[in-house]
Protein backbone atom coordinates (compact mmCIF):
# COMPACT_ATOMS: atom_id res chain seq x y z
CA UNK A 1 -26.75 14.11 -44.38
CA UNK A 2 -26.55 11.17 -41.99
CA UNK A 3 -23.44 9.29 -40.85
CA UNK A 4 -23.97 6.49 -43.40
CA UNK A 5 -23.94 8.94 -46.32
CA UNK A 6 -21.06 10.92 -44.85
CA UNK A 7 -18.77 7.91 -44.49
CA UNK A 8 -19.71 6.39 -47.84
CA UNK A 9 -19.29 9.66 -49.77
CA UNK A 10 -15.92 10.33 -48.17
CA UNK A 11 -14.73 6.79 -48.90
CA UNK A 12 -15.86 6.99 -52.53
CA UNK A 13 -14.32 10.45 -52.91
CA UNK A 14 -11.00 8.99 -51.79
CA UNK A 15 -11.43 6.02 -54.10
CA UNK A 16 -10.82 3.37 -51.45
CA UNK A 17 -12.67 0.17 -50.70
CA UNK A 18 -14.53 -0.63 -47.51
CA UNK A 19 -11.82 -3.18 -46.72
CA UNK A 20 -9.06 -0.60 -47.13
CA UNK A 21 -10.91 1.88 -44.92
CA UNK A 22 -11.48 -0.81 -42.31
CA UNK A 23 -7.77 -1.68 -42.23
CA UNK A 24 -6.81 1.98 -41.86
CA UNK A 25 -9.34 2.49 -39.05
CA UNK A 26 -8.53 -0.76 -37.19
CA UNK A 27 -11.93 -2.32 -37.73
CA UNK A 28 -13.37 -4.85 -40.16
CA UNK A 29 -15.04 -4.46 -43.54
CA UNK A 30 -18.38 -5.74 -42.21
CA UNK A 31 -18.48 -2.92 -39.65
CA UNK A 32 -17.88 -0.31 -42.36
CA UNK A 33 -20.55 -1.94 -44.51
CA UNK A 34 -23.12 -1.88 -41.68
CA UNK A 35 -22.41 1.81 -41.09
CA UNK A 36 -22.68 2.72 -44.77
CA UNK A 37 -25.93 0.78 -45.14
CA UNK A 38 -27.40 2.57 -42.13
CA UNK A 39 -27.90 -0.70 -40.27
CA UNK A 40 -26.06 0.68 -37.24
CA UNK A 41 -25.80 4.17 -35.86
CA UNK A 42 -22.14 4.80 -35.14
CA UNK A 43 -20.94 7.04 -32.34
CA UNK A 44 -19.41 10.39 -33.17
CA UNK A 45 -16.05 8.93 -32.14
CA UNK A 46 -16.40 6.10 -34.68
CA UNK A 47 -17.27 8.50 -37.49
CA UNK A 48 -14.32 10.70 -36.50
CA UNK A 49 -12.00 7.67 -36.56
CA UNK A 50 -13.21 6.57 -40.01
CA UNK A 51 -12.85 10.07 -41.43
CA UNK A 52 -9.42 10.51 -39.83
CA UNK A 53 -8.34 7.29 -41.53
CA UNK A 54 -9.08 9.06 -44.82
CA UNK A 55 -7.33 12.28 -43.82
CA UNK A 56 -10.52 14.16 -43.04
CA UNK A 57 -12.02 15.54 -39.87
CA UNK A 58 -15.60 15.73 -38.74
CA UNK A 59 -16.98 19.23 -38.35
CA UNK A 60 -20.35 19.75 -36.73
CA UNK A 61 -21.91 23.14 -37.19
CA UNK A 62 -24.95 24.98 -36.02
CA UNK A 63 -26.53 28.21 -37.16
CA UNK A 64 -29.37 30.24 -35.78
CA UNK A 65 -32.61 29.53 -37.55
CA UNK A 66 -34.15 32.72 -38.86
CA UNK A 67 -37.69 33.08 -37.56
CA UNK A 68 -40.10 35.90 -36.97
CA UNK A 69 -40.90 34.44 -33.53
CA UNK A 70 -39.27 32.68 -30.59
CA UNK A 71 -40.46 29.03 -30.57
CA UNK A 72 -40.01 28.70 -26.79
CA UNK A 73 -42.07 31.83 -26.20
CA UNK A 74 -44.70 30.59 -28.64
CA UNK A 75 -44.93 27.24 -26.84
CA UNK A 76 -45.29 28.97 -23.47
CA UNK A 77 -47.96 31.28 -24.87
CA UNK A 78 -49.94 28.39 -26.33
CA UNK A 79 -49.95 26.67 -22.94
CA UNK A 80 -51.95 29.60 -21.54
CA UNK A 81 -55.72 29.63 -21.68
CA UNK A 82 -57.38 32.05 -24.10
CA UNK A 83 -58.42 34.21 -21.13
CA UNK A 84 -54.82 34.33 -19.86
CA UNK A 85 -53.55 35.27 -23.32
CA UNK A 86 -56.14 38.03 -23.61
CA UNK A 87 -55.25 39.44 -20.18
CA UNK A 88 -51.54 39.38 -21.11
CA UNK A 89 -52.24 41.22 -24.38
CA UNK A 90 -54.31 43.83 -22.55
CA UNK A 91 -51.52 44.35 -19.99
CA UNK A 92 -48.97 44.86 -22.80
CA UNK A 93 -51.32 47.34 -24.43
CA UNK A 94 -51.66 49.27 -21.15
CA UNK A 95 -47.86 49.31 -20.78
CA UNK A 96 -47.49 50.63 -24.34
CA UNK A 97 -49.98 53.40 -23.52
CA UNK A 98 -48.08 54.38 -20.36
CA UNK A 99 -44.77 54.43 -22.26
CA UNK A 100 -46.30 56.56 -25.01
CA UNK A 101 -47.64 59.04 -22.45
CA UNK A 102 -44.30 59.16 -20.63
CA UNK A 103 -42.57 59.91 -23.94
CA UNK A 104 -44.99 62.76 -24.66
CA UNK A 105 -44.44 64.26 -21.23
CA UNK A 106 -40.65 63.99 -21.58
CA UNK A 107 -40.69 65.73 -24.97
CA UNK A 108 -42.99 68.54 -23.86
CA UNK A 109 -40.87 69.35 -21.04
């Protein structure tokens, strides 16, 4: 949801006009209209002020996106040449082999 939709939905939910909201927020009706139409991109402070005038507060939230890979690692990997990627994969395979052998030795005693 963008700021235009957020302000308009809140205003309509409260059943007040653009003019009434503007008076409460110490601005003019035309400014509220421009925001709701998406003709201007208000600052976070402006959106907070408009919402506060309706007894609401702005809450921004973020959550971790669930992925099977790390996008930064993927980007870095794709910047490598195919030969570099192959050499890296071979080195990881060698490391896995050494770790496997170390585990066998540790278990046997």
